[in-house]
Amino acid sequence: MEYCERLGDSFWAEPINALTNAAFVLAALLLFRLLLRQRQRVPWDIYFLTLLVGCVGLGSFLWHTLATPWSEQADKLPIFAFMFVYLHSYLAHVLGLSLVWISVCLALFLLLNVAVGLWLPADFLNGSVMYLPAVLALLMMALASVLQSLGGTKTMFTVIGLFCVSVTLRSIDQLLCDSFPLGTHFVWHLFNAMVLYWLMRVLIRPTQNVQA
């Protein structure tokens, strides 16, 4: 995949796209500081998710600088890992579902990802097709929170709106190359870092009452 900013094959061919990944690292550091202030024991998966936030930035940095097949996988794997682990953690710690229902939901999410990959072209929406199942999953989680009258639902819906804007900016990057050579992919990084941060804030808040 190519981006508006990439004009060559050098390491710094996409300097803005590369450097804006620091937003993910900053988000991870802020989350770790928040976790260290928790008075109760925090489940291990919350720490793992926070680590994955930083790994998303690192993987994306490698992809936007090296642009090799293995760096592309380094970009994608932390993202997919975060989506699956976050879904598990939200279902367990926020919605309080049993292991059976969590397994069913994870299986359905996996099948949805496979179906989208099979039915829609990989370059659909400039490659943003891979995030459509995540949008749907976030919407379902937010609606489930509303039904249970849980806290953090306003934040979840705000995050969903922000994520939709973020995916849109990622999708139109190639369309704006002539009028805006820098492209909009770097804004996707900045917005997505905020999305991951606030998703984690929703998850961290109830951990004081969760038994690891």
C-alpha atoms as a PDB file:
ATOM      1  CA  MET A   1       0.000   0.000   0.000  1.00  0.00           C
ATOM      2  CA  GLU A   2       1.199   3.465  -0.845  1.00  0.00           C
ATOM      3  CA  TYR A   3       0.403   6.762   0.820  1.00  0.00           C
ATOM      4  CA  CYS A   4       0.322  10.317  -0.500  1.00  0.00           C
ATOM      5  CA  GLU A   5       3.380  11.288   1.505  1.00  0.00           C
ATOM      6  CA  ARG A   6       5.597   8.451   0.197  1.00  0.00           C
ATOM      7  CA  LEU A   7       7.642   9.759  -2.709  1.00  0.00           C
ATOM      8  CA  GLY A   8      10.570   7.328  -2.648  1.00  0.00           C
ATOM      9  CA  ASP A   9      12.167   4.285  -1.055  1.00  0.00           C
ATOM     10  CA  SER A  10      14.348   5.943   1.579  1.00  0.00           C
ATOM     11  CA  PHE A  11      13.919   5.358   5.334  1.00  0.00           C
ATOM     12  CA  TRP A  12      12.385   8.812   5.852  1.00  0.00           C
ATOM     13  CA  ALA A  13      10.207   8.762   2.725  1.00  0.00           C
ATOM     14  CA  GLU A  14       7.175   9.286   5.009  1.00  0.00           C
ATOM     15  CA  PRO A  15       8.501  11.461   7.854  1.00  0.00           C
ATOM     16  CA  ILE A  16       5.125  12.763   9.093  1.00  0.00           C
ATOM     17  CA  ASN A  17       3.433   9.369   8.847  1.00  0.00           C
ATOM     18  CA  ALA A  18       6.364   7.854  10.715  1.00  0.00           C
ATOM     19  CA  LEU A  19       6.796  10.447  13.452  1.00  0.00           C
ATOM     20  CA  THR A  20       3.101  10.770  14.311  1.00  0.00           C
ATOM     21  CA  ASN A  21       3.261   7.210  15.646  1.00  0.00           C
ATOM     22  CA  ALA A  22       4.801   8.769  18.737  1.00  0.00           C
ATOM     23  CA  ALA A  23       1.185   9.546  19.706  1.00  0.00           C
ATOM     24  CA  PHE A  24       0.619   5.833  20.396  1.00  0.00           C
ATOM     25  CA  VAL A  25       3.726   5.639  22.571  1.00  0.00           C
ATOM     26  CA  LEU A  26       2.606   8.720  24.484  1.00  0.00           C
ATOM     27  CA  ALA A  27      -0.850   7.209  24.985  1.00  0.00           C
ATOM     28  CA  ALA A  28       0.724   3.999  26.315  1.00  0.00           C
ATOM     29  CA  LEU A  29       2.937   5.911  28.742  1.00  0.00           C
ATOM     30  CA  LEU A  30      -0.015   7.904  30.058  1.00  0.00           C
ATOM     31  CA  LEU A  31      -1.997   4.708  30.516  1.00  0.00           C
ATOM     32  CA  PHE A  32       0.857   2.980  32.347  1.00  0.00           C
ATOM     33  CA  ARG A  33       1.084   5.953  34.694  1.00  0.00           C
ATOM     34  CA  LEU A  34      -2.648   5.684  35.314  1.00  0.00           C
ATOM     35  CA  LEU A  35      -2.344   1.962  36.019  1.00  0.00           C
ATOM     36  CA  LEU A  36       0.449   2.497  38.511  1.00  0.00           C
ATOM     37  CA  ARG A  37      -1.855   4.796  40.481  1.00  0.00           C
ATOM     38  CA  GLN A  38      -4.555   2.145  40.840  1.00  0.00           C
ATOM     39  CA  ARG A  39      -4.970   1.086  44.462  1.00  0.00           C
ATOM     40  CA  GLN A  40      -6.410  -2.319  43.666  1.00  0.00           C
ATOM     41  CA  ARG A  41      -4.855  -5.160  41.728  1.00  0.00           C
ATOM     42  CA  VAL A  42      -5.163  -4.669  37.981  1.00  0.00           C
ATOM     43  CA  PRO A  43      -5.820  -7.733  35.757  1.00  0.00           C
ATOM     44  CA  TRP A  44      -2.868  -8.756  33.613  1.00  0.00           C
ATOM     45  CA  ASP A  45      -4.763  -8.272  30.348  1.00  0.00           C
ATOM     46  CA  ILE A  46      -5.148  -4.550  31.066  1.00  0.00           C
ATOM     47  CA  TYR A  47      -1.363  -4.216  31.259  1.00  0.00           C
ATOM     48  CA  PHE A  48      -1.011  -6.302  28.102  1.00  0.00           C
ATOM     49  CA  LEU A  49      -3.446  -4.073  26.225  1.00  0.00           C
ATOM     50  CA  THR A  50      -1.540  -0.987  27.342  1.00  0.00           C
ATOM     51  CA  LEU A  51       1.650  -2.570  26.028  1.00  0.00           C
ATOM     52  CA  LEU A  52      -0.117  -3.294  22.737  1.00  0.00           C
ATOM     53  CA  VAL A  53      -1.007   0.402  22.383  1.00  0.00           C
ATOM     54  CA  GLY A  54       2.703   1.179  22.341  1.00  0.00           C
ATOM     55  CA  CYS A  55       3.373  -1.756  19.986  1.00  0.00           C
ATOM     56  CA  VAL A  56       0.821  -0.366  17.524  1.00  0.00           C
ATOM     57  CA  GLY A  57       2.928   2.776  17.289  1.00  0.00           C
ATOM     58  CA  LEU A  58       6.183   0.856  16.950  1.00  0.00           C
ATOM     59  CA  GLY A  59       4.796  -1.471  14.275  1.00  0.00           C
ATOM     60  CA  SER A  60       3.338   1.413  12.301  1.00  0.00           C
ATOM     61  CA  PHE A  61       6.658   3.289  12.542  1.00  0.00           C
ATOM     62  CA  LEU A  62       8.469   0.283  11.060  1.00  0.00           C
ATOM     63  CA  TRP A  63       5.941   0.036   8.231  1.00  0.00           C
ATOM     64  CA  HIS A  64       6.140   3.724   7.320  1.00  0.00           C
ATOM     65  CA  THR A  65       9.933   3.734   7.328  1.00  0.00           C
ATOM     66  CA  LEU A  66      10.992   0.306   6.030  1.00  0.00           C
ATOM     67  CA  ALA A  67       7.899  -0.547   3.934  1.00  0.00           C
ATOM     68  CA  THR A  68       8.823  -4.235   3.700  1.00  0.00           C
ATOM     69  CA  PRO A  69       6.504  -7.275   3.843  1.00  0.00           C
ATOM     70  CA  TRP A  70       7.593  -8.165   7.392  1.00  0.00           C
ATOM     71  CA  SER A  71       7.178  -4.569   8.601  1.00  0.00           C
ATOM     72  CA  GLU A  72       3.666  -4.584   7.153  1.00  0.00           C
ATOM     73  CA  GLN A  73       2.894  -7.575   9.367  1.00  0.00           C
ATOM     74  CA  ALA A  74       4.531  -5.781  12.299  1.00  0.00           C
ATOM     75  CA  ASP A  75       2.048  -2.981  11.617  1.00  0.00           C
ATOM     76  CA  LYS A  76      -1.048  -5.204  11.393  1.00  0.00           C
ATOM     77  CA  LEU A  77      -0.472  -7.828  14.106  1.00  0.00           C
ATOM     78  CA  PRO A  78      -0.531  -5.499  17.155  1.00  0.00           C
ATOM     79  CA  ILE A  79      -3.729  -3.919  15.818  1.00  0.00           C
ATOM     80  CA  PHE A  80      -5.512  -7.252  15.432  1.00  0.00           C
ATOM     81  CA  ALA A  81      -4.175  -8.411  18.798  1.00  0.00           C
ATOM     82  CA  PHE A  82      -5.494  -5.268  20.466  1.00  0.00           C
ATOM     83  CA  MET A  83      -8.938  -5.686  18.908  1.00  0.00           C
ATOM     84  CA  PHE A  84      -9.335  -9.292  20.085  1.00  0.00           C
ATOM     85  CA  VAL A  85      -7.888  -8.804  23.559  1.00  0.00           C
ATOM     86  CA  TYR A  86      -9.867  -5.599  24.098  1.00  0.00           C
ATOM     87  CA  LEU A  87     -13.103  -7.328  23.119  1.00  0.00           C
ATOM     88  CA  HIS A  88     -12.368 -10.107  25.614  1.00  0.00           C
ATOM     89  CA  SER A  89     -11.468  -7.656  28.365  1.00  0.00           C
ATOM     90  CA  TYR A  90     -14.519  -5.456  27.825  1.00  0.00           C
ATOM     91  CA  LEU A  91     -16.872  -8.428  27.830  1.00  0.00           C
ATOM     92  CA  ALA A  92     -15.253  -9.823  30.971  1.00  0.00           C
ATOM     93  CA  HIS A  93     -14.476  -6.748  33.083  1.00  0.00           C
ATOM     94  CA  VAL A  94     -17.167  -4.297  32.006  1.00  0.00           C
ATOM     95  CA  LEU A  95     -20.133  -6.410  30.893  1.00  0.00           C
ATOM     96  CA  GLY A  96     -19.311  -9.273  33.249  1.00  0.00           C
ATOM     97  CA  LEU A  97     -20.105 -12.058  30.774  1.00  0.00           C
ATOM     98  CA  SER A  98     -19.273 -15.689  31.424  1.00  0.00           C
ATOM     99  CA  LEU A  99     -16.400 -17.444  29.684  1.00  0.00           C
ATOM    100  CA  VAL A 100     -18.873 -19.292  27.437  1.00  0.00           C
ATOM    101  CA  TRP A 101     -20.479 -16.083  26.152  1.00  0.00           C
ATOM    102  CA  ILE A 102     -17.090 -14.410  25.782  1.00  0.00           C
ATOM    103  CA  SER A 103     -15.914 -17.335  23.653  1.00  0.00           C
ATOM    104  CA  VAL A 104     -19.037 -17.108  21.488  1.00  0.00           C
ATOM    105  CA  CYS A 105     -18.568 -13.378  20.945  1.00  0.00           C
ATOM    106  CA  LEU A 106     -14.888 -13.780  20.090  1.00  0.00           C
ATOM    107  CA  ALA A 107     -15.714 -16.554  17.617  1.00  0.00           C
ATOM    108  CA  LEU A 108     -18.373 -14.373  15.962  1.00  0.00           C
ATOM    109  CA  PHE A 109     -15.932 -11.476  15.751  1.00  0.00           C
ATOM    110  CA  LEU A 110     -13.333 -13.738  14.157  1.00  0.00           C
ATOM    111  CA  LEU A 111     -15.883 -15.045  11.634  1.00  0.00           C
ATOM    112  CA  LEU A 112     -16.924 -11.480  10.824  1.00  0.00           C
ATOM    113  CA  ASN A 113     -13.311 -10.546  10.113  1.00  0.00           C
ATOM    114  CA  VAL A 114     -12.903 -13.590   7.859  1.00  0.00           C
ATOM    115  CA  ALA A 115     -16.170 -12.840   6.042  1.00  0.00           C
ATOM    116  CA  VAL A 116     -15.233  -9.214   5.420  1.00  0.00           C
ATOM    117  CA  GLY A 117     -11.833 -10.332   4.143  1.00  0.00           C
ATOM    118  CA  LEU A 118     -13.473 -12.775   1.725  1.00  0.00           C
ATOM    119  CA  TRP A 119     -16.367 -10.635   0.523  1.00  0.00           C
ATOM    120  CA  LEU A 120     -14.727  -7.248   0.133  1.00  0.00           C
ATOM    121  CA  PRO A 121     -11.566  -6.397  -1.838  1.00  0.00           C
ATOM    122  CA  ALA A 122      -8.473  -5.780   0.292  1.00  0.00           C
ATOM    123  CA  ASP A 123      -8.073  -2.315  -1.213  1.00  0.00           C
ATOM    124  CA  PHE A 124     -11.681  -1.328  -0.490  1.00  0.00           C
ATOM    125  CA  LEU A 125     -11.773   2.052   1.285  1.00  0.00           C
ATOM    126  CA  ASN A 126      -8.026   2.297   0.718  1.00  0.00           C
ATOM    127  CA  GLY A 127      -7.452  -0.800   2.862  1.00  0.00           C
ATOM    128  CA  SER A 128      -9.683   0.375   5.729  1.00  0.00           C
ATOM    129  CA  VAL A 129     -12.014  -2.571   5.188  1.00  0.00           C
ATOM    130  CA  MET A 130     -10.171  -4.425   7.959  1.00  0.00           C
ATOM    131  CA  TYR A 131     -11.551  -1.953  10.513  1.00  0.00           C
ATOM    132  CA  LEU A 132     -15.247  -2.369   9.673  1.00  0.00           C
ATOM    133  CA  PRO A 133     -15.712  -5.327  12.076  1.00  0.00           C
ATOM    134  CA  ALA A 134     -14.101  -3.252  14.835  1.00  0.00           C
ATOM    135  CA  VAL A 135     -16.609  -0.428  14.274  1.00  0.00           C
ATOM    136  CA  LEU A 136     -19.499  -2.889  14.504  1.00  0.00           C
ATOM    137  CA  ALA A 137     -18.045  -4.567  17.603  1.00  0.00           C
ATOM    138  CA  LEU A 138     -17.618  -1.210  19.355  1.00  0.00           C
ATOM    139  CA  LEU A 139     -21.201  -0.293  18.543  1.00  0.00           C
ATOM    140  CA  MET A 140     -22.473  -3.602  19.965  1.00  0.00           C
ATOM    141  CA  MET A 141     -20.418  -3.130  23.147  1.00  0.00           C
ATOM    142  CA  ALA A 142     -21.734   0.393  23.593  1.00  0.00           C
ATOM    143  CA  LEU A 143     -25.347  -0.728  23.106  1.00  0.00           C
ATOM    144  CA  ALA A 144     -24.861  -3.572  25.593  1.00  0.00           C
ATOM    145  CA  SER A 145     -23.530  -1.049  28.100  1.00  0.00           C
ATOM    146  CA  VAL A 146     -26.628   1.101  27.591  1.00  0.00           C
ATOM    147  CA  LEU A 147     -28.900  -1.888  28.223  1.00  0.00           C
ATOM    148  CA  GLN A 148     -27.046  -2.598  31.473  1.00  0.00           C
ATOM    149  CA  SER A 149     -27.032   1.101  32.437  1.00  0.00           C
ATOM    150  CA  LEU A 150     -23.261   1.039  32.878  1.00  0.00           C
ATOM    151  CA  GLY A 151     -20.972   4.020  33.232  1.00  0.00           C
ATOM    152  CA  GLY A 152     -18.720   5.087  30.396  1.00  0.00           C
ATOM    153  CA  THR A 153     -21.344   4.671  27.676  1.00  0.00           C
ATOM    154  CA  LYS A 154     -21.101   8.324  26.605  1.00  0.00           C
ATOM    155  CA  THR A 155     -17.356   7.890  26.252  1.00  0.00           C
ATOM    156  CA  MET A 156     -17.859   4.748  24.190  1.00  0.00           C
ATOM    157  CA  PHE A 157     -20.212   6.475  21.738  1.00  0.00           C
ATOM    158  CA  THR A 158     -17.835   9.438  21.515  1.00  0.00           C
ATOM    159  CA  VAL A 159     -14.986   7.044  20.773  1.00  0.00           C
ATOM    160  CA  ILE A 160     -17.066   5.328  18.081  1.00  0.00           C
ATOM    161  CA  GLY A 161     -17.704   8.687  16.407  1.00  0.00           C
ATOM    162  CA  LEU A 162     -14.028   9.581  16.620  1.00  0.00           C
ATOM    163  CA  PHE A 163     -13.053   6.186  15.208  1.00  0.00           C
ATOM    164  CA  CYS A 164     -15.449   6.603  12.272  1.00  0.00           C
ATOM    165  CA  VAL A 165     -13.877   9.976  11.479  1.00  0.00           C
ATOM    166  CA  SER A 166     -10.461   8.378  11.852  1.00  0.00           C
ATOM    167  CA  VAL A 167     -11.286   5.525   9.441  1.00  0.00           C
ATOM    168  CA  THR A 168     -12.711   8.055   6.968  1.00  0.00           C
ATOM    169  CA  LEU A 169      -9.482  10.060   7.042  1.00  0.00           C
ATOM    170  CA  ARG A 170      -7.513   6.873   6.436  1.00  0.00           C
ATOM    171  CA  SER A 171      -9.789   5.931   3.549  1.00  0.00           C
ATOM    172  CA  ILE A 172      -9.577   9.228   1.641  1.00  0.00           C
ATOM    173  CA  ASP A 173      -5.781   9.564   1.821  1.00  0.00           C
ATOM    174  CA  GLN A 174      -5.210   8.539  -1.808  1.00  0.00           C
ATOM    175  CA  LEU A 175      -8.109  10.651  -3.070  1.00  0.00           C
ATOM    176  CA  LEU A 176      -6.530  13.877  -1.817  1.00  0.00           C
ATOM    177  CA  CYS A 177      -2.980  13.391  -3.123  1.00  0.00           C
ATOM    178  CA  ASP A 178      -3.330  15.971  -5.890  1.00  0.00           C
ATOM    179  CA  SER A 179      -4.896  18.676  -3.728  1.00  0.00           C
ATOM    180  CA  PHE A 180      -3.116  17.812  -0.465  1.00  0.00           C
ATOM    181  CA  PRO A 181       0.178  15.961  -1.154  1.00  0.00           C
ATOM    182  CA  LEU A 182       0.833  15.285   2.536  1.00  0.00           C
ATOM    183  CA  GLY A 183      -2.306  13.170   2.689  1.00  0.00           C
ATOM    184  CA  THR A 184      -4.517  12.416   5.684  1.00  0.00           C
ATOM    185  CA  HIS A 185      -2.973   9.178   6.927  1.00  0.00           C
ATOM    186  CA  PHE A 186      -0.971  10.955   9.624  1.00  0.00           C
ATOM    187  CA  VAL A 187      -4.222  12.357  11.066  1.00  0.00           C
ATOM    188  CA  TRP A 188      -5.461   8.764  11.286  1.00  0.00           C
ATOM    189  CA  HIS A 189      -2.501   8.078  13.568  1.00  0.00           C
ATOM    190  CA  LEU A 190      -3.290  11.015  15.837  1.00  0.00           C
ATOM    191  CA  PHE A 191      -7.007  10.269  16.037  1.00  0.00           C
ATOM    192  CA  ASN A 192      -6.465   6.550  16.493  1.00  0.00           C
ATOM    193  CA  ALA A 193      -4.062   7.144  19.365  1.00  0.00           C
ATOM    194  CA  MET A 194      -6.850   9.089  21.074  1.00  0.00           C
ATOM    195  CA  VAL A 195      -9.312   6.292  20.287  1.00  0.00           C
ATOM    196  CA  LEU A 196      -7.095   3.653  21.922  1.00  0.00           C
ATOM    197  CA  TYR A 197      -6.392   5.884  24.918  1.00  0.00           C
ATOM    198  CA  TRP A 198     -10.065   6.516  25.664  1.00  0.00           C
ATOM    199  CA  LEU A 199     -11.003   2.905  25.025  1.00  0.00           C
ATOM    200  CA  MET A 200      -8.483   1.957  27.686  1.00  0.00           C
ATOM    201  CA  ARG A 201      -9.790   4.639  30.052  1.00  0.00           C
ATOM    202  CA  VAL A 202     -13.228   3.043  29.832  1.00  0.00           C
ATOM    203  CA  LEU A 203     -11.668  -0.324  30.593  1.00  0.00           C
ATOM    204  CA  ILE A 204      -9.388   0.805  33.400  1.00  0.00           C
ATOM    205  CA  ARG A 205     -12.109   2.590  35.358  1.00  0.00           C
ATOM    206  CA  PRO A 206     -13.932  -0.534  36.599  1.00  0.00           C
ATOM    207  CA  THR A 207     -10.816  -2.597  37.344  1.00  0.00           C
ATOM    208  CA  GLN A 208     -10.860  -1.561  40.972  1.00  0.00           C
ATOM    209  CA  ASN A 209     -13.846  -3.863  41.421  1.00  0.00           C
ATOM    210  CA  VAL A 210     -12.530  -6.702  39.271  1.00  0.00           C
ATOM    211  CA  GLN A 211     -10.837  -9.781  40.617  1.00  0.00           C
ATOM    212  CA  ALA A 212      -7.895 -10.780  38.423  1.00  0.00           C
END
